[in-house]
Amino acid sequence: MATADPAPRDRTPRHEQRVDGFGTVRVVPVVPDADAALLHGWVTAERARFWGMAGLSRTQVRDVYAHMDTLPTHHAHLLLRDGAPVALVQTYEPAADRVSECYPAEPGDLGIHLLIGPAAGAAERGFTAALMRVITGWAAAAGARRLVAEPDAGNGPAIDRLRREGFALGPEVTLPEVDLPEVYLPPKRARPAFLPLTGD
């Protein structure tokens, strides 16, 4: 499956795409030790409260992504716009994730979580849409046939953003608790959303 990616230790781009009027966006693997400070600042901010990592220390954030780096089904990448990090995107195989207990996962499904970094200046119209063009291009090139997102049911802005980007919203569901030695995730009310990447 296209989501498999050996645990990366370098910045070799997994995808590069020029977006007219926006710049060149590269998709590069997260390197936990090098990126811990950046990621900690992003994921613990109030604006990222639905990311579920508020209150974690820098070391704990580093450990979360170091653990993810060992998994064949879940991956974290930074989106670099003309060399500067602007977003974090996590991908996963839905069949290997708790979301598969709430919808019938299909071959070619690719789950995504997208966290836009804090703006360096005034908000730019079309910023998220440009990044989504890159993500869909990357996913399609890797063989994915459909993107799957499952934002928190209370995260209205994220749900509205997905709708604007063409995702079809499913009914609200409860993602089950995950209680493992290496990770704990509480139950979560979510709104699955789906974006076909082919003409099927």
N, C-alpha and C. Protein backbone atom coordinates (compact mmCIF):
# COMPACT_ATOMS: atom_id res chain seq x y z
N MET A 1 0.85 -1.20 0.00
CA MET A 1 0.00 0.00 0.00
C MET A 1 0.88 1.24 0.00
N ALA A 2 0.42 2.28 -0.63
CA ALA A 2 1.24 3.47 -0.82
C ALA A 2 1.59 4.18 0.47
N THR A 3 0.86 3.92 1.56
CA THR A 3 1.14 4.64 2.79
C THR A 3 2.38 4.11 3.49
N ALA A 4 2.83 2.91 3.17
CA ALA A 4 4.02 2.37 3.82
C ALA A 4 5.23 3.22 3.47
N ASP A 5 6.05 3.48 4.47
CA ASP A 5 7.21 4.36 4.27
C ASP A 5 8.23 4.00 5.32
N PRO A 6 9.40 3.51 4.95
CA PRO A 6 10.39 3.14 5.96
C PRO A 6 10.68 4.31 6.89
N ALA A 7 10.96 4.01 8.14
CA ALA A 7 11.21 5.07 9.13
C ALA A 7 12.30 6.00 8.63
N PRO A 8 11.95 7.25 8.29
CA PRO A 8 12.93 8.14 7.69
C PRO A 8 13.77 8.86 8.72
N ARG A 9 15.02 9.12 8.38
CA ARG A 9 15.91 9.88 9.25
C ARG A 9 16.46 11.10 8.54
N ASP A 10 15.98 11.39 7.36
CA ASP A 10 16.54 12.47 6.57
C ASP A 10 15.43 13.38 6.07
N ARG A 11 15.84 14.37 5.30
CA ARG A 11 14.89 15.34 4.76
C ARG A 11 14.60 15.11 3.28
N THR A 12 14.86 13.92 2.79
CA THR A 12 14.58 13.66 1.39
C THR A 12 13.10 13.89 1.12
N PRO A 13 12.74 14.80 0.21
CA PRO A 13 11.32 15.06 -0.04
C PRO A 13 10.60 13.82 -0.55
N ARG A 14 9.42 13.59 -0.03
CA ARG A 14 8.57 12.51 -0.52
C ARG A 14 7.73 12.99 -1.70
N HIS A 15 7.61 14.31 -1.81
CA HIS A 15 6.82 14.90 -2.91
C HIS A 15 7.21 16.36 -3.01
N GLU A 16 7.19 16.89 -4.22
CA GLU A 16 7.45 18.31 -4.44
C GLU A 16 6.50 18.81 -5.51
N GLN A 17 5.89 19.96 -5.27
CA GLN A 17 4.89 20.46 -6.21
C GLN A 17 4.91 21.99 -6.23
N ARG A 18 4.93 22.53 -7.42
CA ARG A 18 4.84 23.98 -7.61
C ARG A 18 3.38 24.37 -7.74
N VAL A 19 2.94 25.32 -6.91
CA VAL A 19 1.57 25.82 -6.96
C VAL A 19 1.63 27.27 -7.43
N ASP A 20 1.04 27.54 -8.58
CA ASP A 20 1.09 28.89 -9.15
C ASP A 20 0.56 29.92 -8.16
N GLY A 21 1.32 31.00 -7.98
CA GLY A 21 0.90 32.06 -7.10
C GLY A 21 1.10 31.77 -5.63
N PHE A 22 1.65 30.61 -5.31
CA PHE A 22 1.82 30.21 -3.91
C PHE A 22 3.27 29.88 -3.59
N GLY A 23 3.90 29.10 -4.46
CA GLY A 23 5.28 28.71 -4.24
C GLY A 23 5.48 27.23 -4.43
N THR A 24 6.66 26.76 -4.08
CA THR A 24 7.00 25.34 -4.16
C THR A 24 6.83 24.71 -2.79
N VAL A 25 6.07 23.63 -2.76
CA VAL A 25 5.81 22.93 -1.50
C VAL A 25 6.48 21.56 -1.56
N ARG A 26 7.27 21.28 -0.55
CA ARG A 26 7.90 19.97 -0.42
C ARG A 26 7.31 19.25 0.79
N VAL A 27 7.11 17.95 0.62
CA VAL A 27 6.64 17.09 1.71
C VAL A 27 7.84 16.32 2.22
N VAL A 28 8.25 16.59 3.46
CA VAL A 28 9.45 15.94 4.00
C VAL A 28 9.11 15.23 5.30
N PRO A 29 9.80 14.13 5.61
CA PRO A 29 9.52 13.40 6.85
C PRO A 29 9.86 14.23 8.08
N VAL A 30 9.05 14.05 9.11
CA VAL A 30 9.40 14.60 10.42
C VAL A 30 10.60 13.84 10.96
N VAL A 31 11.57 14.56 11.48
CA VAL A 31 12.71 13.97 12.19
C VAL A 31 12.52 14.36 13.66
N PRO A 32 12.08 13.42 14.50
CA PRO A 32 11.65 13.78 15.86
C PRO A 32 12.65 14.60 16.66
N ASP A 33 13.91 14.21 16.67
CA ASP A 33 14.88 14.96 17.47
C ASP A 33 15.05 16.39 16.95
N ALA A 34 15.11 16.53 15.65
CA ALA A 34 15.33 17.85 15.06
C ALA A 34 14.10 18.74 15.11
N ASP A 35 12.91 18.13 15.07
CA ASP A 35 11.68 18.90 14.94
C ASP A 35 10.89 19.05 16.23
N ALA A 36 11.41 18.52 17.33
CA ALA A 36 10.65 18.51 18.58
C ALA A 36 10.23 19.90 19.02
N ALA A 37 11.13 20.87 18.96
CA ALA A 37 10.80 22.22 19.42
C ALA A 37 9.72 22.85 18.55
N LEU A 38 9.87 22.74 17.25
CA LEU A 38 8.87 23.28 16.33
C LEU A 38 7.51 22.64 16.56
N LEU A 39 7.48 21.31 16.59
CA LEU A 39 6.21 20.61 16.75
C LEU A 39 5.58 20.90 18.10
N HIS A 40 6.39 20.97 19.14
CA HIS A 40 5.85 21.26 20.47
C HIS A 40 5.13 22.61 20.47
N GLY A 41 5.74 23.60 19.84
CA GLY A 41 5.11 24.91 19.77
C GLY A 41 3.79 24.89 19.02
N TRP A 42 3.71 24.07 18.00
CA TRP A 42 2.49 23.98 17.21
C TRP A 42 1.39 23.20 17.91
N VAL A 43 1.70 21.98 18.36
CA VAL A 43 0.65 21.07 18.82
C VAL A 43 0.12 21.40 20.20
N THR A 44 0.85 22.20 20.97
CA THR A 44 0.38 22.55 22.32
C THR A 44 -0.29 23.92 22.37
N ALA A 45 -0.35 24.61 21.26
CA ALA A 45 -1.00 25.93 21.23
C ALA A 45 -2.51 25.77 21.39
N GLU A 46 -3.15 26.80 21.91
CA GLU A 46 -4.61 26.76 22.09
C GLU A 46 -5.33 26.51 20.77
N ARG A 47 -4.83 27.09 19.68
CA ARG A 47 -5.46 26.92 18.38
C ARG A 47 -5.43 25.47 17.90
N ALA A 48 -4.56 24.65 18.52
CA ALA A 48 -4.44 23.24 18.13
C ALA A 48 -5.05 22.31 19.18
N ARG A 49 -6.00 22.82 19.96
CA ARG A 49 -6.52 22.02 21.08
C ARG A 49 -7.14 20.71 20.62
N PHE A 50 -7.70 20.67 19.41
CA PHE A 50 -8.31 19.43 18.93
C PHE A 50 -7.26 18.42 18.49
N TRP A 51 -5.99 18.82 18.45
CA TRP A 51 -4.92 17.88 18.10
C TRP A 51 -4.69 16.88 19.23
N GLY A 52 -5.11 17.22 20.44
CA GLY A 52 -5.06 16.29 21.56
C GLY A 52 -3.73 16.19 22.27
N MET A 53 -2.84 17.19 22.09
CA MET A 53 -1.53 17.12 22.73
C MET A 53 -1.25 18.29 23.65
N ALA A 54 -2.29 19.03 24.00
CA ALA A 54 -2.12 20.16 24.91
C ALA A 54 -1.55 19.67 26.24
N GLY A 55 -0.61 20.40 26.80
CA GLY A 55 -0.05 20.03 28.09
C GLY A 55 1.15 19.11 28.02
N LEU A 56 1.46 18.58 26.84
CA LEU A 56 2.63 17.70 26.73
C LEU A 56 3.91 18.53 26.74
N SER A 57 4.95 17.96 27.32
CA SER A 57 6.26 18.61 27.30
C SER A 57 6.91 18.41 25.94
N ARG A 58 7.98 19.14 25.70
CA ARG A 58 8.73 18.98 24.46
C ARG A 58 9.24 17.54 24.32
N THR A 59 9.71 16.96 25.41
CA THR A 59 10.20 15.58 25.36
C THR A 59 9.08 14.62 25.04
N GLN A 60 7.91 14.83 25.61
CA GLN A 60 6.78 13.95 25.33
C GLN A 60 6.35 14.05 23.87
N VAL A 61 6.34 15.26 23.33
CA VAL A 61 6.01 15.42 21.92
C VAL A 61 7.03 14.70 21.05
N ARG A 62 8.30 14.86 21.40
CA ARG A 62 9.34 14.16 20.66
C ARG A 62 9.11 12.65 20.72
N ASP A 63 8.75 12.13 21.88
CA ASP A 63 8.54 10.70 22.04
C ASP A 63 7.35 10.20 21.22
N VAL A 64 6.29 11.00 21.13
CA VAL A 64 5.13 10.63 20.32
C VAL A 64 5.55 10.42 18.87
N TYR A 65 6.32 11.36 18.34
CA TYR A 65 6.71 11.25 16.93
C TYR A 65 7.83 10.24 16.71
N ALA A 66 8.64 10.00 17.73
CA ALA A 66 9.63 8.93 17.62
C ALA A 66 8.94 7.58 17.56
N HIS A 67 7.87 7.41 18.35
CA HIS A 67 7.11 6.16 18.29
C HIS A 67 6.45 6.02 16.92
N MET A 68 5.84 7.08 16.43
CA MET A 68 5.20 7.01 15.11
C MET A 68 6.21 6.64 14.04
N ASP A 69 7.45 7.10 14.21
CA ASP A 69 8.51 6.84 13.25
C ASP A 69 8.83 5.35 13.13
N THR A 70 8.41 4.56 14.12
CA THR A 70 8.67 3.12 14.09
C THR A 70 7.54 2.33 13.43
N LEU A 71 6.43 2.98 13.13
CA LEU A 71 5.25 2.28 12.63
C LEU A 71 5.25 2.21 11.11
N PRO A 72 4.86 1.07 10.55
CA PRO A 72 4.78 0.97 9.09
C PRO A 72 3.49 1.54 8.52
N THR A 73 2.53 1.90 9.39
CA THR A 73 1.20 2.31 8.93
C THR A 73 0.88 3.78 9.20
N HIS A 74 1.65 4.44 10.05
CA HIS A 74 1.39 5.82 10.43
C HIS A 74 2.66 6.65 10.21
N HIS A 75 2.52 7.84 9.60
CA HIS A 75 3.68 8.66 9.27
C HIS A 75 3.39 10.14 9.50
N ALA A 76 4.43 10.88 9.82
CA ALA A 76 4.31 12.33 10.02
C ALA A 76 5.26 13.05 9.07
N HIS A 77 4.75 14.11 8.44
CA HIS A 77 5.54 14.89 7.50
C HIS A 77 5.31 16.38 7.74
N LEU A 78 6.32 17.16 7.41
CA LEU A 78 6.18 18.60 7.38
C LEU A 78 5.97 19.04 5.93
N LEU A 79 5.16 20.07 5.77
CA LEU A 79 5.02 20.71 4.47
C LEU A 79 5.86 21.98 4.51
N LEU A 80 6.81 22.07 3.60
CA LEU A 80 7.70 23.23 3.51
C LEU A 80 7.31 24.08 2.31
N ARG A 81 6.99 25.33 2.56
CA ARG A 81 6.67 26.26 1.48
C ARG A 81 7.91 27.10 1.21
N ASP A 82 8.48 26.90 0.06
CA ASP A 82 9.73 27.59 -0.28
C ASP A 82 10.76 27.45 0.84
N GLY A 83 10.81 26.26 1.43
CA GLY A 83 11.80 25.93 2.45
C GLY A 83 11.38 26.15 3.88
N ALA A 84 10.29 26.87 4.12
CA ALA A 84 9.85 27.16 5.49
C ALA A 84 8.71 26.24 5.89
N PRO A 85 8.75 25.65 7.10
CA PRO A 85 7.68 24.76 7.53
C PRO A 85 6.38 25.53 7.77
N VAL A 86 5.29 25.05 7.16
CA VAL A 86 4.01 25.73 7.29
C VAL A 86 2.89 24.82 7.79
N ALA A 87 3.10 23.51 7.78
CA ALA A 87 2.04 22.60 8.21
C ALA A 87 2.63 21.24 8.57
N LEU A 88 1.89 20.53 9.38
CA LEU A 88 2.19 19.15 9.75
C LEU A 88 1.07 18.28 9.20
N VAL A 89 1.43 17.24 8.49
CA VAL A 89 0.42 16.31 8.00
C VAL A 89 0.79 14.91 8.45
N GLN A 90 -0.15 14.25 9.09
CA GLN A 90 0.02 12.86 9.51
C GLN A 90 -0.86 11.99 8.63
N THR A 91 -0.29 10.91 8.13
CA THR A 91 -1.04 9.98 7.31
C THR A 91 -1.06 8.62 7.99
N TYR A 92 -2.08 7.85 7.67
CA TYR A 92 -2.21 6.52 8.28
C TYR A 92 -3.07 5.64 7.40
N GLU A 93 -2.89 4.34 7.57
CA GLU A 93 -3.74 3.37 6.90
C GLU A 93 -4.97 3.16 7.77
N PRO A 94 -6.16 3.56 7.31
CA PRO A 94 -7.35 3.44 8.14
C PRO A 94 -7.61 2.03 8.65
N ALA A 95 -7.26 1.02 7.87
CA ALA A 95 -7.49 -0.36 8.30
C ALA A 95 -6.68 -0.70 9.54
N ALA A 96 -5.61 0.06 9.81
CA ALA A 96 -4.76 -0.18 10.99
C ALA A 96 -5.03 0.84 12.08
N ASP A 97 -6.15 1.55 11.98
CA ASP A 97 -6.46 2.63 12.92
C ASP A 97 -7.86 2.43 13.48
N ARG A 98 -8.13 3.06 14.62
CA ARG A 98 -9.44 2.89 15.25
C ARG A 98 -10.58 3.41 14.39
N VAL A 99 -10.30 4.30 13.45
CA VAL A 99 -11.37 4.82 12.60
C VAL A 99 -12.03 3.71 11.80
N SER A 100 -11.30 2.62 11.53
CA SER A 100 -11.86 1.53 10.74
C SER A 100 -12.99 0.81 11.47
N GLU A 101 -13.12 1.03 12.78
CA GLU A 101 -14.23 0.44 13.52
C GLU A 101 -15.52 1.22 13.33
N CYS A 102 -15.43 2.36 12.64
CA CYS A 102 -16.59 3.23 12.48
C CYS A 102 -17.03 3.40 11.03
N TYR A 103 -16.26 2.86 10.09
CA TYR A 103 -16.66 2.92 8.69
C TYR A 103 -15.94 1.78 7.97
N PRO A 104 -16.48 1.30 6.84
CA PRO A 104 -15.82 0.21 6.11
C PRO A 104 -14.63 0.71 5.30
N ALA A 105 -13.43 0.48 5.81
CA ALA A 105 -12.22 0.90 5.10
C ALA A 105 -12.11 0.15 3.77
N GLU A 106 -11.65 0.86 2.75
CA GLU A 106 -11.51 0.29 1.42
C GLU A 106 -10.05 0.30 0.98
N PRO A 107 -9.66 -0.62 0.09
CA PRO A 107 -8.30 -0.58 -0.44
C PRO A 107 -8.04 0.78 -1.09
N GLY A 108 -6.88 1.34 -0.82
CA GLY A 108 -6.54 2.64 -1.38
C GLY A 108 -6.93 3.81 -0.51
N ASP A 109 -7.57 3.56 0.63
CA ASP A 109 -7.89 4.65 1.56
C ASP A 109 -6.62 5.15 2.24
N LEU A 110 -6.51 6.44 2.41
CA LEU A 110 -5.40 7.06 3.12
C LEU A 110 -5.97 8.06 4.12
N GLY A 111 -5.73 7.82 5.40
CA GLY A 111 -6.19 8.74 6.43
C GLY A 111 -5.22 9.91 6.57
N ILE A 112 -5.77 11.09 6.84
CA ILE A 112 -4.92 12.27 7.02
C ILE A 112 -5.37 13.10 8.21
N HIS A 113 -4.39 13.70 8.88
CA HIS A 113 -4.61 14.76 9.87
C HIS A 113 -3.74 15.93 9.41
N LEU A 114 -4.31 17.11 9.33
CA LEU A 114 -3.57 18.28 8.88
C LEU A 114 -3.62 19.37 9.93
N LEU A 115 -2.45 19.85 10.34
CA LEU A 115 -2.34 20.96 11.28
C LEU A 115 -1.56 22.08 10.59
N ILE A 116 -2.24 23.20 10.36
CA ILE A 116 -1.59 24.35 9.76
C ILE A 116 -0.80 25.08 10.83
N GLY A 117 0.45 25.39 10.55
CA GLY A 117 1.26 26.13 11.51
C GLY A 117 0.78 27.56 11.66
N PRO A 118 1.24 28.25 12.71
CA PRO A 118 0.83 29.64 12.91
C PRO A 118 1.30 30.53 11.75
N ALA A 119 0.44 31.45 11.36
CA ALA A 119 0.77 32.33 10.24
C ALA A 119 1.91 33.27 10.61
N ALA A 120 2.81 33.48 9.66
CA ALA A 120 3.93 34.39 9.88
C ALA A 120 3.50 35.84 9.76
N GLY A 121 2.38 36.08 9.08
CA GLY A 121 1.88 37.44 8.90
C GLY A 121 0.37 37.40 8.78
N ALA A 122 -0.18 38.26 7.94
CA ALA A 122 -1.62 38.29 7.72
C ALA A 122 -2.08 37.00 7.05
N ALA A 123 -3.30 36.59 7.36
CA ALA A 123 -3.86 35.38 6.76
C ALA A 123 -3.92 35.52 5.24
N GLU A 124 -3.60 34.44 4.53
CA GLU A 124 -3.61 34.44 3.07
C GLU A 124 -4.82 33.70 2.55
N ARG A 125 -5.56 34.33 1.70
CA ARG A 125 -6.68 33.66 1.07
C ARG A 125 -6.17 32.51 0.20
N GLY A 126 -6.79 31.35 0.34
CA GLY A 126 -6.41 30.19 -0.47
C GLY A 126 -5.23 29.41 0.06
N PHE A 127 -4.76 29.74 1.26
CA PHE A 127 -3.58 29.08 1.81
C PHE A 127 -3.83 27.58 2.00
N THR A 128 -4.91 27.24 2.72
CA THR A 128 -5.20 25.83 2.98
C THR A 128 -5.51 25.09 1.69
N ALA A 129 -6.22 25.75 0.78
CA ALA A 129 -6.55 25.11 -0.49
C ALA A 129 -5.29 24.75 -1.27
N ALA A 130 -4.29 25.62 -1.22
CA ALA A 130 -3.03 25.34 -1.92
C ALA A 130 -2.34 24.12 -1.31
N LEU A 131 -2.33 24.04 0.03
CA LEU A 131 -1.72 22.88 0.68
C LEU A 131 -2.49 21.61 0.37
N MET A 132 -3.83 21.70 0.30
CA MET A 132 -4.62 20.51 -0.02
C MET A 132 -4.34 20.04 -1.44
N ARG A 133 -4.07 20.95 -2.35
CA ARG A 133 -3.70 20.54 -3.71
C ARG A 133 -2.44 19.70 -3.68
N VAL A 134 -1.50 20.11 -2.86
CA VAL A 134 -0.25 19.37 -2.74
C VAL A 134 -0.50 18.00 -2.10
N ILE A 135 -1.29 17.98 -1.04
CA ILE A 135 -1.56 16.71 -0.35
C ILE A 135 -2.27 15.74 -1.27
N THR A 136 -3.28 16.21 -2.01
CA THR A 136 -3.99 15.31 -2.90
C THR A 136 -3.09 14.84 -4.04
N GLY A 137 -2.23 15.73 -4.54
CA GLY A 137 -1.30 15.32 -5.59
C GLY A 137 -0.32 14.28 -5.10
N TRP A 138 0.19 14.48 -3.90
CA TRP A 138 1.12 13.53 -3.28
C TRP A 138 0.44 12.19 -3.06
N ALA A 139 -0.76 12.22 -2.48
CA ALA A 139 -1.46 10.98 -2.17
C ALA A 139 -1.81 10.20 -3.44
N ALA A 140 -2.29 10.90 -4.46
CA ALA A 140 -2.65 10.23 -5.70
C ALA A 140 -1.42 9.63 -6.37
N ALA A 141 -0.31 10.36 -6.36
CA ALA A 141 0.92 9.85 -6.96
C ALA A 141 1.42 8.61 -6.25
N ALA A 142 1.12 8.51 -4.95
CA ALA A 142 1.56 7.35 -4.17
C ALA A 142 0.60 6.18 -4.29
N GLY A 143 -0.52 6.36 -5.00
CA GLY A 143 -1.45 5.26 -5.22
C GLY A 143 -2.71 5.28 -4.39
N ALA A 144 -2.89 6.30 -3.57
CA ALA A 144 -4.12 6.39 -2.78
C ALA A 144 -5.30 6.68 -3.70
N ARG A 145 -6.45 6.16 -3.34
CA ARG A 145 -7.66 6.35 -4.14
C ARG A 145 -8.69 7.23 -3.44
N ARG A 146 -8.54 7.36 -2.12
CA ARG A 146 -9.50 8.18 -1.37
C ARG A 146 -8.84 8.68 -0.10
N LEU A 147 -9.04 9.97 0.22
CA LEU A 147 -8.58 10.51 1.49
C LEU A 147 -9.69 10.39 2.52
N VAL A 148 -9.28 10.06 3.73
CA VAL A 148 -10.22 9.91 4.85
C VAL A 148 -9.76 10.84 5.97
N ALA A 149 -10.65 11.67 6.45
CA ALA A 149 -10.37 12.54 7.60
C ALA A 149 -11.42 12.27 8.66
N GLU A 150 -11.07 12.52 9.92
CA GLU A 150 -12.05 12.31 11.00
C GLU A 150 -11.86 13.40 12.05
N PRO A 151 -12.20 14.65 11.69
CA PRO A 151 -12.05 15.74 12.65
C PRO A 151 -12.98 15.57 13.84
N ASP A 152 -12.58 16.16 14.95
CA ASP A 152 -13.43 16.18 16.13
C ASP A 152 -14.79 16.79 15.76
N ALA A 153 -15.86 16.18 16.25
CA ALA A 153 -17.20 16.65 15.90
C ALA A 153 -17.43 18.09 16.35
N GLY A 154 -16.68 18.54 17.35
CA GLY A 154 -16.83 19.91 17.83
C GLY A 154 -15.95 20.92 17.12
N ASN A 155 -15.16 20.46 16.17
CA ASN A 155 -14.23 21.35 15.46
C ASN A 155 -14.89 21.87 14.18
N GLY A 156 -15.81 22.80 14.37
CA GLY A 156 -16.56 23.33 13.24
C GLY A 156 -15.71 23.90 12.13
N PRO A 157 -14.67 24.70 12.44
CA PRO A 157 -13.85 25.25 11.36
C PRO A 157 -13.19 24.17 10.49
N ALA A 158 -12.70 23.10 11.12
CA ALA A 158 -12.06 22.03 10.34
C ALA A 158 -13.08 21.32 9.46
N ILE A 159 -14.27 21.08 10.01
CA ILE A 159 -15.32 20.42 9.23
C ILE A 159 -15.73 21.29 8.05
N ASP A 160 -15.90 22.58 8.29
CA ASP A 160 -16.25 23.49 7.19
C ASP A 160 -15.16 23.54 6.14
N ARG A 161 -13.90 23.51 6.58
CA ARG A 161 -12.77 23.55 5.64
C ARG A 161 -12.78 22.31 4.75
N LEU A 162 -13.01 21.15 5.35
CA LEU A 162 -13.06 19.92 4.56
C LEU A 162 -14.20 19.96 3.55
N ARG A 163 -15.33 20.47 3.98
CA ARG A 163 -16.47 20.58 3.06
C ARG A 163 -16.12 21.48 1.87
N ARG A 164 -15.46 22.59 2.15
CA ARG A 164 -15.07 23.50 1.06
C ARG A 164 -14.09 22.86 0.10
N GLU A 165 -13.27 21.94 0.62
CA GLU A 165 -12.27 21.27 -0.22
C GLU A 165 -12.85 20.07 -0.97
N GLY A 166 -14.16 19.84 -0.84
CA GLY A 166 -14.80 18.80 -1.61
C GLY A 166 -15.02 17.48 -0.90
N PHE A 167 -14.68 17.40 0.38
CA PHE A 167 -14.92 16.18 1.14
C PHE A 167 -16.42 15.98 1.36
N ALA A 168 -16.86 14.73 1.27
CA ALA A 168 -18.24 14.37 1.61
C ALA A 168 -18.26 13.95 3.08
N LEU A 169 -19.15 14.56 3.85
CA LEU A 169 -19.21 14.28 5.28
C LEU A 169 -20.10 13.09 5.57
N GLY A 170 -19.62 12.22 6.46
CA GLY A 170 -20.41 11.11 6.94
C GLY A 170 -21.10 11.47 8.24
N PRO A 171 -21.87 10.55 8.82
CA PRO A 171 -22.54 10.82 10.09
C PRO A 171 -21.55 10.87 11.24
N GLU A 172 -21.93 11.55 12.30
CA GLU A 172 -21.09 11.62 13.50
C GLU A 172 -20.95 10.23 14.11
N VAL A 173 -19.74 9.90 14.56
CA VAL A 173 -19.45 8.59 15.14
C VAL A 173 -18.63 8.77 16.41
N THR A 174 -18.50 7.70 17.16
CA THR A 174 -17.61 7.70 18.33
C THR A 174 -16.43 6.78 18.04
N LEU A 175 -15.24 7.35 17.96
CA LEU A 175 -14.04 6.54 17.80
C LEU A 175 -13.73 5.90 19.15
N PRO A 176 -13.46 4.60 19.18
CA PRO A 176 -13.27 3.91 20.46
C PRO A 176 -11.96 4.28 21.15
N GLU A 177 -11.93 4.04 22.44
CA GLU A 177 -10.72 4.26 23.24
C GLU A 177 -9.60 3.34 22.77
N VAL A 178 -8.38 3.84 22.80
CA VAL A 178 -7.18 3.03 22.56
C VAL A 178 -6.33 3.11 23.82
N ASP A 179 -6.09 1.97 24.44
CA ASP A 179 -5.33 1.93 25.70
C ASP A 179 -4.23 0.89 25.57
N LEU A 180 -3.07 1.33 25.09
CA LEU A 180 -1.92 0.46 24.88
C LEU A 180 -0.74 0.99 25.68
N PRO A 181 0.26 0.15 25.95
CA PRO A 181 1.41 0.63 26.72
C PRO A 181 2.08 1.86 26.10
N GLU A 182 2.11 1.93 24.76
CA GLU A 182 2.85 3.02 24.10
C GLU A 182 1.96 4.20 23.73
N VAL A 183 0.64 4.05 23.80
CA VAL A 183 -0.24 5.15 23.41
C VAL A 183 -1.60 5.00 24.08
N TYR A 184 -2.16 6.14 24.48
CA TYR A 184 -3.53 6.16 25.00
C TYR A 184 -4.32 7.24 24.27
N LEU A 185 -5.47 6.85 23.73
CA LEU A 185 -6.37 7.79 23.08
C LEU A 185 -7.75 7.62 23.68
N PRO A 186 -8.34 8.66 24.24
CA PRO A 186 -9.68 8.55 24.80
C PRO A 186 -10.72 8.42 23.69
N PRO A 187 -11.93 7.99 24.01
CA PRO A 187 -12.99 7.98 23.00
C PRO A 187 -13.16 9.39 22.42
N LYS A 188 -13.57 9.46 21.17
CA LYS A 188 -13.68 10.76 20.50
C LYS A 188 -14.89 10.79 19.59
N ARG A 189 -15.70 11.82 19.73
CA ARG A 189 -16.78 12.06 18.79
C ARG A 189 -16.17 12.71 17.55
N ALA A 190 -16.41 12.10 16.40
CA ALA A 190 -15.76 12.55 15.17
C ALA A 190 -16.76 12.60 14.03
N ARG A 191 -16.37 13.31 12.99
CA ARG A 191 -17.20 13.43 11.79
C ARG A 191 -16.36 12.98 10.60
N PRO A 192 -16.42 11.70 10.25
CA PRO A 192 -15.63 11.22 9.11
C PRO A 192 -15.97 11.99 7.83
N ALA A 193 -14.96 12.16 7.00
CA ALA A 193 -15.13 12.87 5.74
C ALA A 193 -14.26 12.18 4.69
N PHE A 194 -14.74 12.18 3.44
CA PHE A 194 -14.11 11.37 2.40
C PHE A 194 -13.95 12.19 1.11
N LEU A 195 -12.77 12.04 0.49
CA LEU A 195 -12.50 12.73 -0.77
C LEU A 195 -11.93 11.73 -1.77
N PRO A 196 -12.72 11.32 -2.79
CA PRO A 196 -12.19 10.43 -3.82
C PRO A 196 -11.08 11.12 -4.61
N LEU A 197 -10.06 10.35 -4.95
CA LEU A 197 -8.94 10.89 -5.73
C LEU A 197 -8.94 10.37 -7.15
N THR A 198 -9.94 9.59 -7.51
CA THR A 198 -10.07 9.06 -8.86
C THR A 198 -11.45 9.41 -9.38
N GLY A 199 -11.68 9.09 -10.64
CA GLY A 199 -12.98 9.38 -11.23
C GLY A 199 -14.00 8.29 -11.00
N ASP A 200 -13.64 7.28 -10.16
CA ASP A 200 -14.57 6.17 -9.95
C ASP A 200 -15.82 6.65 -9.24
